[in-house]
């Protein structure tokens, strides 16, 4: 059964509102977002360096 026009518009507005809320939160808390991404980058470097260490140790 096709959706009515108002239901489709409401669903579209809701999805845009969720995106705008997330975007606004990220803008308001930019320092936290930057720190989280920096932490993830550091964790990635640690994981890669440990993998390289294991590969060189066992000669795979």
PDB file of N, CA and C in Angstrom:
ATOM      1  N   UNK A   1       0.845  -1.172   0.000  1.00  0.00           N
ATOM      2  CA  UNK A   1       0.000   0.000   0.000  1.00  0.00           C
ATOM      3  C   UNK A   1       0.891   1.236   0.000  1.00  0.00           C
ATOM      4  N   UNK A   2       0.725   2.145  -0.944  1.00  0.00           N
ATOM      5  CA  UNK A   2       1.593   3.322  -1.015  1.00  0.00           C
ATOM      6  C   UNK A   2       1.381   4.248   0.184  1.00  0.00           C
ATOM      7  N   UNK A   3       2.463   4.877   0.587  1.00  0.00           N
ATOM      8  CA  UNK A   3       2.382   5.809   1.696  1.00  0.00           C
ATOM      9  C   UNK A   3       1.695   7.089   1.251  1.00  0.00           C
ATOM     10  N   UNK A   4       1.041   7.709   2.194  1.00  0.00           N
ATOM     11  CA  UNK A   4       0.466   9.006   1.864  1.00  0.00           C
ATOM     12  C   UNK A   4       1.594  10.028   1.809  1.00  0.00           C
ATOM     13  N   UNK A   5       1.308  11.129   1.202  1.00  0.00           N
ATOM     14  CA  UNK A   5       2.340  12.147   1.009  1.00  0.00           C
ATOM     15  C   UNK A   5       2.815  12.696   2.355  1.00  0.00           C
ATOM     16  N   UNK A   6       1.906  12.894   3.296  1.00  0.00           N
ATOM     17  CA  UNK A   6       2.300  13.456   4.584  1.00  0.00           C
ATOM     18  C   UNK A   6       3.193  12.494   5.368  1.00  0.00           C
ATOM     19  N   UNK A   7       2.938  11.179   5.260  1.00  0.00           N
ATOM     20  CA  UNK A   7       3.798  10.210   5.949  1.00  0.00           C
ATOM     21  C   UNK A   7       5.202  10.228   5.371  1.00  0.00           C
ATOM     22  N   UNK A   8       5.302  10.306   4.058  1.00  0.00           N
ATOM     23  CA  UNK A   8       6.619  10.353   3.418  1.00  0.00           C
ATOM     24  C   UNK A   8       7.362  11.620   3.802  1.00  0.00           C
ATOM     25  N   UNK A   9       6.655  12.745   3.842  1.00  0.00           N
ATOM     26  CA  UNK A   9       7.293  14.010   4.221  1.00  0.00           C
ATOM     27  C   UNK A   9       7.731  13.985   5.678  1.00  0.00           C
ATOM     28  N   UNK A  10       6.901  13.401   6.535  1.00  0.00           N
ATOM     29  CA  UNK A  10       7.253  13.309   7.954  1.00  0.00           C
ATOM     30  C   UNK A  10       8.481  12.435   8.146  1.00  0.00           C
ATOM     31  N   UNK A  11       8.545  11.309   7.448  1.00  0.00           N
ATOM     32  CA  UNK A  11       9.693  10.414   7.552  1.00  0.00           C
ATOM     33  C   UNK A  11      10.954  11.113   7.041  1.00  0.00           C
ATOM     34  N   UNK A  12      10.826  11.871   5.960  1.00  0.00           N
ATOM     35  CA  UNK A  12      11.981  12.577   5.411  1.00  0.00           C
ATOM     36  C   UNK A  12      12.454  13.656   6.367  1.00  0.00           C
ATOM     37  N   UNK A  13      11.536  14.386   6.966  1.00  0.00           N
ATOM     38  CA  UNK A  13      11.910  15.414   7.935  1.00  0.00           C
ATOM     39  C   UNK A  13      12.576  14.794   9.152  1.00  0.00           C
ATOM     40  N   UNK A  14      12.070  13.666   9.608  1.00  0.00           N
ATOM     41  CA  UNK A  14      12.648  12.999  10.774  1.00  0.00           C
ATOM     42  C   UNK A  14      14.082  12.586  10.502  1.00  0.00           C
ATOM     43  N   UNK A  15      14.336  12.018   9.328  1.00  0.00           N
ATOM     44  CA  UNK A  15      15.704  11.607   9.009  1.00  0.00           C
ATOM     45  C   UNK A  15      16.619  12.818   8.889  1.00  0.00           C
ATOM     46  N   UNK A  16      16.126  13.901   8.312  1.00  0.00           N
ATOM     47  CA  UNK A  16      16.942  15.112   8.238  1.00  0.00           C
ATOM     48  C   UNK A  16      17.179  15.685   9.631  1.00  0.00           C
ATOM     49  N   UNK A  17      16.176  15.594  10.494  1.00  0.00           N
ATOM     50  CA  UNK A  17      16.346  16.107  11.852  1.00  0.00           C
ATOM     51  C   UNK A  17      17.370  15.298  12.620  1.00  0.00           C
ATOM     52  N   UNK A  18      17.385  13.989  12.442  1.00  0.00           N
ATOM     53  CA  UNK A  18      18.377  13.158  13.123  1.00  0.00           C
ATOM     54  C   UNK A  18      19.776  13.534  12.659  1.00  0.00           C
ATOM     55  N   UNK A  19      19.934  13.708  11.359  1.00  0.00           N
ATOM     56  CA  UNK A  19      21.239  14.103  10.816  1.00  0.00           C
ATOM     57  C   UNK A  19      21.648  15.466  11.340  1.00  0.00           C
ATOM     58  N   UNK A  20      20.720  16.396  11.387  1.00  0.00           N
ATOM     59  CA  UNK A  20      21.056  17.733  11.874  1.00  0.00           C
ATOM     60  C   UNK A  20      21.370  17.718  13.366  1.00  0.00           C
ATOM     61  N   UNK A  21      20.693  16.867  14.133  1.00  0.00           N
ATOM     62  CA  UNK A  21      20.976  16.767  15.568  1.00  0.00           C
ATOM     63  C   UNK A  21      22.382  16.212  15.786  1.00  0.00           C
ATOM     64  N   UNK A  22      22.736  15.156  15.047  1.00  0.00           N
ATOM     65  CA  UNK A  22      24.079  14.572  15.170  1.00  0.00           C
ATOM     66  C   UNK A  22      25.135  15.578  14.738  1.00  0.00           C
ATOM     67  N   UNK A  23      24.863  16.274  13.654  1.00  0.00           N
ATOM     68  CA  UNK A  23      25.804  17.276  13.164  1.00  0.00           C
ATOM     69  C   UNK A  23      25.978  18.404  14.169  1.00  0.00           C
ATOM     70  N   UNK A  24      24.879  18.854  14.752  1.00  0.00           N
ATOM     71  CA  UNK A  24      24.944  19.927  15.747  1.00  0.00           C
ATOM     72  C   UNK A  24      25.715  19.467  16.982  1.00  0.00           C
ATOM     73  N   UNK A  25      25.500  18.220  17.416  1.00  0.00           N
ATOM     74  CA  UNK A  25      26.236  17.685  18.564  1.00  0.00           C
ATOM     75  C   UNK A  25      27.729  17.663  18.270  1.00  0.00           C
ATOM     76  N   UNK A  26      28.092  17.202  17.065  1.00  0.00           N
ATOM     77  CA  UNK A  26      29.508  17.148  16.695  1.00  0.00           C
ATOM     78  C   UNK A  26      30.113  18.547  16.658  1.00  0.00           C
ATOM     79  N   UNK A  27      29.346  19.521  16.163  1.00  0.00           N
ATOM     80  CA  UNK A  27      29.846  20.894  16.133  1.00  0.00           C
ATOM     81  C   UNK A  27      30.009  21.464  17.538  1.00  0.00           C
ATOM     82  N   UNK A  28      29.043  21.169  18.408  1.00  0.00           N
ATOM     83  CA  UNK A  28      29.099  21.701  19.768  1.00  0.00           C
ATOM     84  C   UNK A  28      30.205  21.065  20.596  1.00  0.00           C
ATOM     85  N   UNK A  29      30.533  19.817  20.310  1.00  0.00           N
ATOM     86  CA  UNK A  29      31.529  19.085  21.087  1.00  0.00           C
ATOM     87  C   UNK A  29      32.709  18.682  20.196  1.00  0.00           C
ATOM     88  N   UNK A  30      33.219  19.629  19.457  1.00  0.00           N
ATOM     89  CA  UNK A  30      34.265  19.362  18.474  1.00  0.00           C
ATOM     90  C   UNK A  30      35.535  18.822  19.125  1.00  0.00           C
ATOM     91  N   UNK A  31      35.876  19.299  20.303  1.00  0.00           N
ATOM     92  CA  UNK A  31      37.078  18.834  20.989  1.00  0.00           C
ATOM     93  C   UNK A  31      36.973  17.356  21.330  1.00  0.00           C
ATOM     94  N   UNK A  32      35.804  16.937  21.799  1.00  0.00           N
ATOM     95  CA  UNK A  32      35.606  15.520  22.141  1.00  0.00           C
ATOM     96  C   UNK A  32      35.725  14.657  20.893  1.00  0.00           C
ATOM     97  N   UNK A  33      35.112  15.110  19.804  1.00  0.00           N
ATOM     98  CA  UNK A  33      35.165  14.352  18.558  1.00  0.00           C
ATOM     99  C   UNK A  33      36.603  14.237  18.069  1.00  0.00           C
ATOM    100  N   UNK A  34      37.350  15.315  18.163  1.00  0.00           N
ATOM    101  CA  UNK A  34      38.761  15.277  17.747  1.00  0.00           C
ATOM    102  C   UNK A  34      39.577  14.348  18.635  1.00  0.00           C
ATOM    103  N   UNK A  35      39.325  14.385  19.938  1.00  0.00           N
ATOM    104  CA  UNK A  35      40.071  13.513  20.849  1.00  0.00           C
ATOM    105  C   UNK A  35      39.755  12.048  20.602  1.00  0.00           C
ATOM    106  N   UNK A  36      38.496  11.743  20.321  1.00  0.00           N
ATOM    107  CA  UNK A  36      38.122  10.359  20.031  1.00  0.00           C
ATOM    108  C   UNK A  36      38.815   9.881  18.765  1.00  0.00           C
ATOM    109  N   UNK A  37      38.810  10.705  17.720  1.00  0.00           N
ATOM    110  CA  UNK A  37      39.453  10.285  16.476  1.00  0.00           C
ATOM    111  C   UNK A  37      40.968  10.174  16.646  1.00  0.00           C
ATOM    112  N   UNK A  38      41.555  11.037  17.438  1.00  0.00           N
ATOM    113  CA  UNK A  38      42.990  10.936  17.714  1.00  0.00           C
ATOM    114  C   UNK A  38      43.306   9.657  18.474  1.00  0.00           C
ATOM    115  N   UNK A  39      42.474   9.333  19.459  1.00  0.00           N
ATOM    116  CA  UNK A  39      42.660   8.101  20.223  1.00  0.00           C
ATOM    117  C   UNK A  39      42.547   6.870  19.350  1.00  0.00           C
ATOM    118  N   UNK A  40      41.588   6.871  18.428  1.00  0.00           N
ATOM    119  CA  UNK A  40      41.438   5.740  17.515  1.00  0.00           C
ATOM    120  C   UNK A  40      42.636   5.622  16.577  1.00  0.00           C
ATOM    121  N   UNK A  41      43.173   6.748  16.143  1.00  0.00           N
ATOM    122  CA  UNK A  41      44.353   6.715  15.277  1.00  0.00           C
ATOM    123  C   UNK A  41      45.557   6.149  16.024  1.00  0.00           C
ATOM    124  N   UNK A  42      45.728   6.558  17.263  1.00  0.00           N
ATOM    125  CA  UNK A  42      46.845   6.039  18.069  1.00  0.00           C
ATOM    126  C   UNK A  42      46.681   4.543  18.306  1.00  0.00           C
ATOM    127  N   UNK A  43      45.459   4.117  18.610  1.00  0.00           N
ATOM    128  CA  UNK A  43      45.208   2.684  18.816  1.00  0.00           C
ATOM    129  C   UNK A  43      45.511   1.902  17.540  1.00  0.00           C
ATOM    130  N   UNK A  44      45.162   2.460  16.385  1.00  0.00           N
ATOM    131  CA  UNK A  44      45.451   1.801  15.118  1.00  0.00           C
ATOM    132  C   UNK A  44      46.937   1.656  14.876  1.00  0.00           C
ATOM    133  N   UNK A  45      47.686   2.680  15.193  1.00  0.00           N
ATOM    134  CA  UNK A  45      49.146   2.624  15.028  1.00  0.00           C
ATOM    135  C   UNK A  45      49.740   1.568  15.951  1.00  0.00           C
ATOM    136  N   UNK A  46      49.237   1.487  17.180  1.00  0.00           N
ATOM    137  CA  UNK A  46      49.739   0.480  18.123  1.00  0.00           C
ATOM    138  C   UNK A  46      49.442  -0.924  17.610  1.00  0.00           C
ATOM    139  N   UNK A  47      48.231  -1.147  17.117  1.00  0.00           N
ATOM    140  CA  UNK A  47      47.868  -2.470  16.599  1.00  0.00           C
ATOM    141  C   UNK A  47      48.733  -2.842  15.404  1.00  0.00           C
ATOM    142  N   UNK A  48      48.950  -1.914  14.503  1.00  0.00           N
ATOM    143  CA  UNK A  48      49.776  -2.185  13.321  1.00  0.00           C
ATOM    144  C   UNK A  48      51.219  -2.475  13.739  1.00  0.00           C
ATOM    145  N   UNK A  49      51.740  -1.701  14.684  1.00  0.00           N
ATOM    146  CA  UNK A  49      53.128  -1.937  15.096  1.00  0.00           C
ATOM    147  C   UNK A  49      53.279  -3.287  15.804  1.00  0.00           C
ATOM    148  N   UNK A  50      52.282  -3.687  16.580  1.00  0.00           N
ATOM    149  CA  UNK A  50      52.352  -5.001  17.229  1.00  0.00           C
ATOM    150  C   UNK A  50      52.252  -6.119  16.192  1.00  0.00           C
ATOM    151  N   UNK A  51      51.451  -5.902  15.158  1.00  0.00           N
ATOM    152  CA  UNK A  51      51.336  -6.914  14.102  1.00  0.00           C
ATOM    153  C   UNK A  51      52.666  -7.076  13.367  1.00  0.00           C
ATOM    154  N   UNK A  52      53.318  -5.948  13.080  1.00  0.00           N
ATOM    155  CA  UNK A  52      54.617  -5.997  12.416  1.00  0.00           C
ATOM    156  C   UNK A  52      55.635  -6.696  13.306  1.00  0.00           C
ATOM    157  N   UNK A  53      55.582  -6.433  14.594  1.00  0.00           N
ATOM    158  CA  UNK A  53      56.501  -7.075  15.535  1.00  0.00           C
ATOM    159  C   UNK A  53      56.294  -8.584  15.555  1.00  0.00           C
ATOM    160  N   UNK A  54      55.036  -9.025  15.533  1.00  0.00           N
ATOM    161  CA  UNK A  54      54.737 -10.462  15.530  1.00  0.00           C
ATOM    162  C   UNK A  54      55.186 -11.110  14.222  1.00  0.00           C
ATOM    163  N   UNK A  55      54.982 -10.432  13.117  1.00  0.00           N
ATOM    164  CA  UNK A  55      55.363 -10.981  11.818  1.00  0.00           C
ATOM    165  C   UNK A  55      56.880 -11.153  11.743  1.00  0.00           C
ATOM    166  N   UNK A  56      57.632 -10.143  12.206  1.00  0.00           N
ATOM    167  CA  UNK A  56      59.084 -10.246  12.143  1.00  0.00           C
ATOM    168  C   UNK A  56      59.615 -11.279  13.146  1.00  0.00           C
ATOM    169  N   UNK A  57      58.916 -11.456  14.259  1.00  0.00           N
ATOM    170  CA  UNK A  57      59.390 -12.412  15.265  1.00  0.00           C
ATOM    171  C   UNK A  57      59.266 -13.842  14.748  1.00  0.00           C
ATOM    172  N   UNK A  58      58.160 -14.175  14.110  1.00  0.00           N
ATOM    173  CA  UNK A  58      57.942 -15.546  13.665  1.00  0.00           C
ATOM    174  C   UNK A  58      58.324 -15.771  12.207  1.00  0.00           C
ATOM    175  N   UNK A  59      58.754 -14.730  11.528  1.00  0.00           N
ATOM    176  CA  UNK A  59      59.245 -14.861  10.174  1.00  0.00           C
ATOM    177  C   UNK A  59      58.205 -15.317   9.162  1.00  0.00           C
ATOM    178  N   UNK A  60      56.978 -14.838   9.326  1.00  0.00           N
ATOM    179  CA  UNK A  60      55.926 -15.234   8.384  1.00  0.00           C
ATOM    180  C   UNK A  60      56.021 -14.392   7.198  1.00  0.00           C
TER     181      UNK A  60
END
